Protein backbone atom coordinates (compact mmCIF):
# COMPACT_ATOMS: atom_id res chain seq x y z
CA MET A 1 -127.77 122.77 -63.71
CA ILE A 2 -128.65 119.11 -63.39
CA ALA A 3 -126.75 118.43 -66.57
CA LEU A 4 -123.71 120.22 -65.18
CA VAL A 5 -123.87 118.22 -61.97
CA ALA A 6 -124.20 115.01 -63.96
CA LEU A 7 -121.19 116.01 -66.05
CA VAL A 8 -119.10 116.70 -62.97
CA LEU A 9 -120.13 113.44 -61.35
CA GLY A 10 -119.40 111.58 -64.57
CA GLU A 11 -115.94 113.08 -64.78
CA ALA A 12 -115.28 112.24 -61.13
CA ALA A 13 -116.44 108.68 -61.68
CA GLY A 14 -114.19 108.45 -64.70
CA VAL A 15 -111.23 109.58 -62.64
CA LEU A 16 -112.02 106.98 -59.96
CA VAL A 17 -112.30 104.27 -62.59
CA TRP A 18 -109.02 105.36 -64.12
CA ILE A 19 -107.29 105.27 -60.73
CA ALA A 20 -108.78 101.86 -59.90
CA ASP A 21 -107.77 100.50 -63.30
CA SER A 22 -104.23 101.80 -62.82
CA HIS A 23 -103.93 100.02 -59.47
CA TYR A 24 -105.39 96.86 -60.96
CA ASP A 25 -102.96 96.95 -63.90
CA ARG A 26 -99.96 97.41 -61.59
CA GLY A 27 -101.28 94.58 -59.41
CA GLN A 28 -101.43 92.22 -62.39
CA LYS A 29 -97.88 93.08 -63.44
CA ALA A 30 -96.54 92.58 -59.91
CA PHE A 31 -98.42 89.27 -59.60
CA ALA A 32 -96.93 88.04 -62.88
CA MET A 33 -93.44 88.94 -61.62
CA GLY A 34 -94.02 87.10 -58.33
CA VAL A 35 -93.90 90.27 -56.23
CA TYR A 36 -96.93 89.19 -54.28
CA ASP A 37 -96.80 91.76 -51.48
CA THR A 38 -96.90 94.62 -53.98
CA ALA A 39 -99.59 92.85 -56.01
CA ALA A 40 -101.79 92.42 -52.93
CA ASP A 41 -101.46 96.10 -52.02
CA GLU A 42 -102.27 97.22 -55.58
CA PHE A 43 -105.34 94.98 -55.83
CA ALA A 44 -106.52 96.26 -52.44
CA ALA A 45 -106.22 99.82 -53.76
CA ALA A 46 -108.12 98.98 -56.97
CA ARG A 47 -111.47 100.29 -55.74
CA ILE A 48 -114.10 102.73 -56.81
CA LEU A 49 -115.01 104.37 -53.55
CA VAL A 50 -115.62 101.29 -51.37
CA PHE A 51 -116.28 98.79 -54.14
CA PRO A 52 -113.56 96.47 -55.58
CA TYR A 53 -112.68 97.09 -59.19
CA GLY A 54 -113.57 94.05 -61.29
CA ASN A 55 -112.14 90.89 -59.67
CA ALA A 56 -109.57 92.87 -57.69
CA ALA A 57 -110.78 91.34 -54.41
CA ALA A 58 -110.25 87.78 -55.67
CA MET A 59 -106.84 88.72 -57.07
CA GLU A 60 -105.87 90.27 -53.74
CA ARG A 61 -106.74 87.02 -51.95
CA ALA A 62 -104.70 85.03 -54.48
CA ALA A 63 -101.73 87.36 -54.08
CA ARG A 64 -101.83 87.14 -50.28
CA ALA A 65 -102.10 83.32 -50.42
CA ALA A 66 -99.08 83.19 -52.74
CA LEU A 67 -97.22 85.56 -50.41
CA ASP A 68 -97.96 83.35 -47.41
CA LYS A 69 -96.71 80.30 -49.31
CA GLU A 70 -93.59 82.15 -50.42
CA ASN A 71 -92.87 83.23 -46.86
CA ALA A 72 -93.33 79.66 -45.63
CA VAL A 73 -90.88 78.42 -48.26
CA THR A 74 -88.42 81.15 -47.31
CA ARG A 75 -88.64 80.21 -43.66
CA ALA A 76 -88.09 76.54 -44.54
CA GLU A 77 -85.07 77.42 -46.68
CA GLN A 78 -83.65 79.58 -43.92
CA LYS A 79 -84.04 76.68 -41.51
CA VAL A 80 -82.26 74.34 -43.92
CA GLN A 81 -79.45 76.86 -44.38
CA ALA A 82 -79.06 77.21 -40.62
CA GLN A 83 -78.93 73.44 -40.17
CA LEU A 84 -76.53 73.11 -43.08
CA LEU A 85 -74.23 75.79 -41.69
CA ALA A 86 -74.20 74.03 -38.31
CA THR A 87 -73.42 70.68 -39.96
CA LEU A 88 -70.53 72.15 -41.97
CA GLY A 89 -69.22 73.76 -38.80
CA ASP A 90 -69.32 70.37 -37.07
CA ALA A 91 -67.43 68.80 -39.99
CA GLY A 92 -64.78 71.51 -39.69
CA LYS A 93 -64.34 70.84 -35.97
CA ARG A 94 -64.01 67.10 -36.59
CA LEU A 95 -61.42 67.76 -39.29
CA ALA A 96 -59.39 69.91 -36.91
CA ALA A 97 -59.52 67.06 -34.37
CA GLY A 98 -58.33 64.53 -36.97
CA ASP A 99 -61.62 62.62 -36.86
CA ALA A 100 -61.76 61.52 -40.51
CA ALA A 101 -64.71 59.17 -40.01
CA GLY A 102 -66.64 61.87 -38.14
CA VAL A 103 -66.05 64.34 -40.98
CA LEU A 104 -67.59 61.91 -43.46
CA VAL A 105 -70.61 61.30 -41.21
CA ALA A 106 -71.23 65.04 -40.87
CA LEU A 107 -70.92 65.67 -44.61
CA ARG A 108 -73.24 62.78 -45.43
CA SER A 109 -75.78 64.45 -43.18
CA ALA A 110 -75.26 67.74 -45.04
CA ARG A 111 -75.74 66.05 -48.40
CA ALA A 112 -78.92 64.39 -47.12
CA GLN A 113 -80.30 67.88 -46.51
CA VAL A 114 -79.39 68.96 -50.05
CA PRO A 115 -79.32 65.76 -52.18
CA HIS A 116 -78.37 67.33 -55.50
CA GLY A 117 -76.25 70.17 -56.84
CA PRO A 118 -74.28 72.69 -54.78
CA LEU A 119 -74.89 72.51 -51.07
CA SER A 120 -75.83 76.18 -50.92
CA ASP A 121 -76.02 79.41 -52.88
CA ALA A 122 -76.10 81.48 -49.69
CA PRO A 123 -72.87 83.52 -49.44
CA VAL A 124 -72.03 82.56 -45.84
CA THR A 125 -72.68 78.84 -46.30
CA ARG A 126 -70.87 78.79 -49.64
CA ARG A 127 -67.82 80.44 -48.06
CA VAL A 128 -67.73 77.87 -45.24
CA ALA A 129 -68.13 75.00 -47.71
CA THR A 130 -65.34 76.33 -49.93
CA ASP A 131 -62.93 76.63 -47.01
CA LEU A 132 -63.80 73.12 -45.80
CA HIS A 133 -63.32 71.77 -49.33
CA ALA A 134 -59.75 73.12 -49.51
CA ARG A 135 -58.83 71.82 -46.05
CA LEU A 136 -60.23 68.37 -46.75
CA LEU A 137 -58.40 68.04 -50.04
CA ALA A 138 -55.13 69.02 -48.36
CA ALA A 139 -55.74 66.45 -45.60
CA ALA A 140 -56.46 63.76 -48.19
CA ARG A 141 -53.18 64.47 -50.00
CA THR A 142 -51.17 64.51 -46.76
CA THR A 143 -52.55 61.24 -45.43
CA LEU A 144 -52.11 59.58 -48.82
CA ALA A 145 -48.44 60.62 -48.88
CA LYS A 146 -48.03 59.10 -45.40
CA ALA A 147 -49.58 55.81 -46.64
CA HIS A 148 -52.63 56.21 -44.39
CA TRP A 149 -54.85 54.78 -47.10
CA HIS A 150 -58.16 54.56 -45.25
CA ARG A 151 -57.95 58.05 -43.79
CA ALA A 152 -57.05 59.45 -47.21
CA TRP A 153 -60.11 57.74 -48.68
CA LEU A 154 -62.34 59.18 -45.94
CA TYR A 155 -61.10 62.73 -46.48
CA ALA A 156 -61.32 62.53 -50.28
CA SER A 157 -64.82 61.06 -50.03
CA GLY A 158 -65.77 64.08 -47.94
CA VAL A 159 -64.51 66.36 -50.70
CA LEU A 160 -66.70 64.52 -53.20
CA LEU A 161 -69.74 65.07 -50.99
CA LEU A 162 -69.04 68.79 -51.17
CA ASP A 163 -68.26 68.69 -54.89
CA PRO A 164 -69.05 65.43 -56.73
CA ALA A 165 -67.21 66.72 -59.81
CA ASP A 166 -63.83 67.17 -58.09
CA ALA A 167 -61.46 65.08 -60.26
CA LYS A 168 -58.52 65.34 -57.82
CA ALA A 169 -60.54 63.93 -54.95
CA ALA A 170 -61.89 61.15 -57.18
CA ALA A 171 -58.33 60.16 -58.14
CA ILE A 172 -57.29 60.08 -54.48
CA THR A 173 -60.22 57.85 -53.53
CA ARG A 174 -59.33 55.38 -56.29
CA LYS A 175 -55.64 55.24 -55.34
CA ALA A 176 -56.34 55.04 -51.62
CA LYS A 177 -58.79 52.17 -52.08
CA ALA A 178 -56.42 50.28 -54.38
CA ASP A 179 -53.49 50.75 -51.98
CA GLU A 180 -55.63 49.68 -49.05
CA VAL A 181 -56.30 46.41 -50.88
CA LEU A 182 -52.56 46.01 -51.54
CA GLN A 183 -51.87 46.69 -47.86
CA GLY A 184 -54.22 43.83 -47.00
CA ARG A 185 -52.32 41.51 -49.36
CA LEU A 186 -49.03 42.57 -47.86
CA GLY A 187 -50.46 41.84 -44.42
CA THR A 188 -51.31 38.32 -45.59
CA ALA A 189 -47.78 37.98 -46.96
CA LEU A 190 -46.33 39.03 -43.60
CA ALA A 191 -48.54 36.50 -41.81
CA ALA A 192 -47.30 33.81 -44.18
CA ALA A 193 -43.72 34.84 -43.44
CA GLY A 194 -44.44 34.58 -39.71
CA ALA A 195 -45.62 31.01 -40.32
CA HIS A 196 -42.44 30.31 -42.36
CA LYS A 197 -44.48 29.83 -45.53
CA TRP A 198 -41.86 31.70 -47.49
CA ARG A 199 -42.88 30.71 -51.00
CA HIS A 200 -46.42 31.93 -50.45
CA SER A 201 -45.14 35.07 -48.75
CA LEU A 202 -42.75 35.77 -51.64
CA ALA A 203 -45.46 35.32 -54.27
CA LEU A 204 -47.81 37.75 -52.50
CA ALA A 205 -45.11 40.36 -51.92
CA LEU A 206 -44.01 40.19 -55.55
CA ALA A 207 -47.62 40.63 -56.69
CA VAL A 208 -47.89 43.76 -54.53
CA LEU A 209 -44.69 45.17 -56.02
CA HIS A 210 -45.89 44.38 -59.53
CA ALA A 211 -49.14 46.26 -58.88
CA ARG A 212 -47.43 49.18 -57.16
CA PRO A 213 -43.63 49.43 -57.49
CA GLY A 214 -42.11 50.85 -54.34
CA PHE A 215 -45.08 49.90 -52.14
CA PRO A 216 -43.95 50.39 -48.51
CA GLY A 217 -42.64 47.19 -46.93
CA ALA A 218 -43.04 44.95 -49.98
CA ALA A 219 -39.43 45.04 -51.22
CA ASN A 220 -38.09 44.30 -47.72
CA LEU A 221 -40.36 41.26 -47.42
CA VAL A 222 -39.22 40.02 -50.83
CA ARG A 223 -35.59 40.17 -49.66
CA ARG A 224 -36.42 38.32 -46.45
CA ALA A 225 -38.30 35.61 -48.31
CA ARG A 226 -35.51 35.11 -50.82
CA VAL A 227 -32.93 34.81 -48.07
CA ALA A 228 -35.11 32.27 -46.27
CA LEU A 229 -35.57 30.26 -49.48
CA ARG A 230 -31.89 30.32 -50.40
CA PRO A 231 -30.42 26.78 -50.38
CA LYS A 232 -28.53 26.10 -47.17
CA ALA A 233 -24.89 25.02 -47.39
CA LYS A 234 -24.40 21.32 -46.54
CA PRO A 235 -22.34 20.78 -43.35
CA ARG A 236 -18.85 19.28 -43.84
CA PRO A 237 -18.58 15.69 -42.41
CA ALA A 238 -16.78 15.55 -39.06
CA ALA A 239 -13.76 13.24 -38.52
CA VAL A 240 -14.91 9.89 -37.10
CA THR A 241 -12.64 7.59 -35.10
CA THR A 242 -13.51 3.92 -35.68
CA ALA A 243 -13.02 1.15 -33.24
CA SER A 244 -10.54 -0.63 -35.55
CA THR A 245 -8.48 2.50 -35.79
CA ALA A 246 -8.64 3.02 -32.08
CA GLY A 247 -7.40 -0.55 -31.46
CA ARG A 248 -4.53 -0.33 -33.91
CA VAL A 249 -1.15 0.04 -32.10
CA ALA A 250 1.79 1.64 -33.80
CA PRO A 251 4.83 -0.75 -34.10
CA THR A 252 7.63 -0.20 -31.64
CA THR A 253 11.22 0.29 -32.76
CA PRO A 254 13.50 -2.51 -31.35
CA SER A 255 16.14 -1.28 -28.96
CA ALA A 256 19.82 -1.65 -29.92
CA PRO A 257 21.56 -4.90 -28.57
CA GLN A 258 23.43 -4.43 -25.31
CA PRO A 259 27.03 -5.72 -24.97
CA PRO A 260 27.48 -8.77 -22.61
CA PRO A 261 28.70 -8.04 -19.14
CA PRO A 262 32.45 -8.47 -18.61
């Protein structure tokens, strides 16, 4: 009888050990996969009656600590995503208002939150960023076509903050900056023309045209300068009456002789 009881108890203990070992094994696998909430629950269940199986108690504490850390990271990422979404929304509003400088400030703030790589992998944020990217690129092209060099540079620079690899935006920034420099030279040429320094004005305007044929305003200034530098026709001498001429008296014709009176 005692032997039978011992056998039954032994089998029961074996079953408990098997159950505890199964929980422990699943806990280890979940922990290795980073599923810390499942791992913690499995290690908590790895018990023989009220006693932890092996080092299941220590593993449960490790799993819960990892879970707390993971949750903290998730909360931090969610906060960053919320801030990023708000910043992109602000950039969109500034773009709609035509505030090119404000757009760049907002996007620099966004890039400061995420210094490298894509701004976000979150679907909502990525969708907002993609829409803003397209609108900014269109604004950069439009302002460049209207010869608003600085605004074009601001908009294209904003595109590059969203996507540093955008070749179209990079080309716009280079052209806008170069044309802004040429605009400064043309401004100097116009100032020289205003001071009647036509040779200097002509040289500057020609240099602008050489760098960018068809640059707005340069050809007109070249024409003005050339007209101003064209040799003036010498005035024809006016007729002068001298004193000797004025004093000269034309000879009189003698009158015919009169017959004597009868």
